Amino acid sequence: MNELLGGRIKALRSAKNYTQEQMADRIGVSRQKYARIESGANSITLEILSKIATALDVTVGDITRVLDETPMVAYRVGEEGISSEKIFDMLDLFYANKHLYAKLQHKDKA
């Protein structure tokens, strides 16, 4: 999952002709950390995802859409070997999105 998000972020960054260093500066992280996000080596928090979306002038949904396009729930179709780590990653993303949604709803009411 991290690889999918990282690949999508990289594609969006490349489309804007931004370097990794420019993106890292825009979101307030080191270039190394940003590179690990794009490679999928680092998990991405919803806060960082929001900053990346703002820096790229897209929505969080534009970035996470790649998760909808790829079948993430392979265990339902009988594929063996799905790890519990993959399931926990999906749950983490769900709760992170739920938290961000609640935060955005609260911000809109203020």
Protein backbone atom coordinates (compact mmCIF):
# COMPACT_ATOMS: atom_id res chain seq x y z
CA MET A 1 0.00 0.00 0.00
CA ASN A 2 2.80 2.45 0.86
CA GLU A 3 4.38 1.67 -2.50
CA LEU A 4 1.14 2.49 -4.31
CA LEU A 5 0.75 5.82 -2.54
CA GLY A 6 4.43 6.63 -3.02
CA GLY A 7 4.22 5.88 -6.73
CA ARG A 8 1.15 8.08 -7.09
CA ILE A 9 2.82 10.92 -5.20
CA LYS A 10 5.93 10.59 -7.37
CA ALA A 11 3.84 10.71 -10.54
CA LEU A 12 1.99 13.82 -9.37
CA ARG A 13 5.26 15.48 -8.32
CA SER A 14 6.87 14.69 -11.67
CA ALA A 15 3.86 16.12 -13.51
CA LYS A 16 4.47 19.42 -11.68
CA ASN A 17 8.22 19.26 -12.45
CA TYR A 18 9.10 19.51 -8.75
CA THR A 19 12.21 17.89 -7.34
CA GLN A 20 12.14 15.75 -4.22
CA GLU A 21 14.04 18.50 -2.44
CA GLN A 22 11.46 21.12 -3.41
CA MET A 23 8.66 18.88 -2.14
CA ALA A 24 10.50 18.13 1.09
CA ASP A 25 10.92 21.87 1.70
CA ARG A 26 7.25 22.53 0.95
CA ILE A 27 6.02 19.93 3.44
CA GLY A 28 8.69 20.48 6.08
CA VAL A 29 10.59 17.18 6.05
CA SER A 30 14.08 16.16 4.99
CA ARG A 31 14.67 15.11 1.39
CA GLN A 32 15.65 11.66 2.65
CA LYS A 33 12.35 11.24 4.48
CA TYR A 34 10.45 12.45 1.45
CA ALA A 35 12.36 10.00 -0.78
CA ARG A 36 11.41 7.16 1.59
CA ILE A 37 7.75 8.20 1.35
CA GLU A 38 7.88 8.03 -2.45
CA SER A 39 9.65 4.67 -2.40
CA GLY A 40 7.13 3.23 0.04
CA ALA A 41 9.77 2.58 2.70
CA ASN A 42 8.07 4.98 5.15
CA SER A 43 4.46 4.90 6.18
CA ILE A 44 2.70 8.11 5.39
CA THR A 45 0.62 9.92 7.98
CA LEU A 46 -2.55 11.69 7.07
CA GLU A 47 -0.99 14.98 8.14
CA ILE A 48 1.91 14.51 5.70
CA LEU A 49 -0.51 13.30 3.02
CA SER A 50 -2.52 16.50 3.46
CA LYS A 51 0.63 18.64 3.20
CA ILE A 52 1.68 16.81 0.04
CA ALA A 53 -1.77 17.30 -1.48
CA THR A 54 -1.63 21.02 -0.71
CA ALA A 55 1.90 21.34 -2.13
CA LEU A 56 0.83 19.58 -5.33
CA ASP A 57 -2.48 21.49 -5.53
CA VAL A 58 -4.52 18.28 -5.52
CA THR A 59 -6.88 16.68 -3.03
CA VAL A 60 -6.03 13.82 -0.71
CA GLY A 61 -8.57 11.83 -2.71
CA ASP A 62 -6.58 12.45 -5.89
CA ILE A 63 -3.61 10.79 -4.23
CA THR A 64 -5.44 7.92 -2.52
CA ARG A 65 -7.51 7.11 -5.61
CA VAL A 66 -4.77 4.68 -6.61
CA LEU A 67 -5.82 2.51 -3.66
CA ASP A 68 -9.34 2.22 -5.07
CA GLU A 69 -8.04 1.25 -8.50
CA THR A 70 -5.93 -1.63 -7.19
CA PRO A 71 -7.63 -4.59 -5.54
CA MET A 72 -6.34 -4.30 -1.99
CA VAL A 73 -8.54 -7.00 -0.48
CA ALA A 74 -7.02 -9.98 -2.24
CA TYR A 75 -7.89 -12.35 0.60
CA ARG A 76 -11.57 -12.12 -0.33
CA VAL A 77 -10.94 -13.61 -3.75
CA GLY A 78 -9.04 -16.53 -2.31
CA GLU A 79 -5.48 -15.38 -2.85
CA GLU A 80 -3.35 -17.05 -0.26
CA GLY A 81 -0.40 -15.49 1.46
CA ILE A 82 -1.94 -12.16 2.41
CA SER A 83 -0.16 -10.97 5.48
CA SER A 84 -1.70 -9.59 8.60
CA GLU A 85 0.60 -6.59 8.07
CA LYS A 86 -1.28 -5.74 4.87
CA ILE A 87 -4.60 -5.93 6.71
CA PHE A 88 -3.28 -3.72 9.52
CA ASP A 89 -2.02 -1.22 6.94
CA MET A 90 -5.51 -1.05 5.44
CA LEU A 91 -7.05 -0.55 8.89
CA ASP A 92 -4.51 2.17 9.72
CA LEU A 93 -5.35 4.02 6.51
CA PHE A 94 -9.07 3.70 7.20
CA TYR A 95 -8.77 5.17 10.70
CA ALA A 96 -6.37 7.87 9.54
CA ASN A 97 -8.84 8.93 6.83
CA LYS A 98 -11.70 8.80 9.33
CA HIS A 99 -9.72 11.03 11.70
CA LEU A 100 -8.85 13.52 8.94
CA TYR A 101 -12.47 13.61 7.78
CA ALA A 102 -13.65 14.41 11.31
CA LYS A 103 -10.94 17.06 11.64
CA LEU A 104 -11.98 18.67 8.33
CA GLN A 105 -15.64 18.60 9.31
CA HIS A 106 -14.79 20.30 12.60
CA LYS A 107 -12.71 22.94 10.75
CA ASP A 108 -15.61 23.65 8.35
CA LYS A 109 -17.99 24.30 11.26
CA ALA A 110 -15.60 26.76 12.88
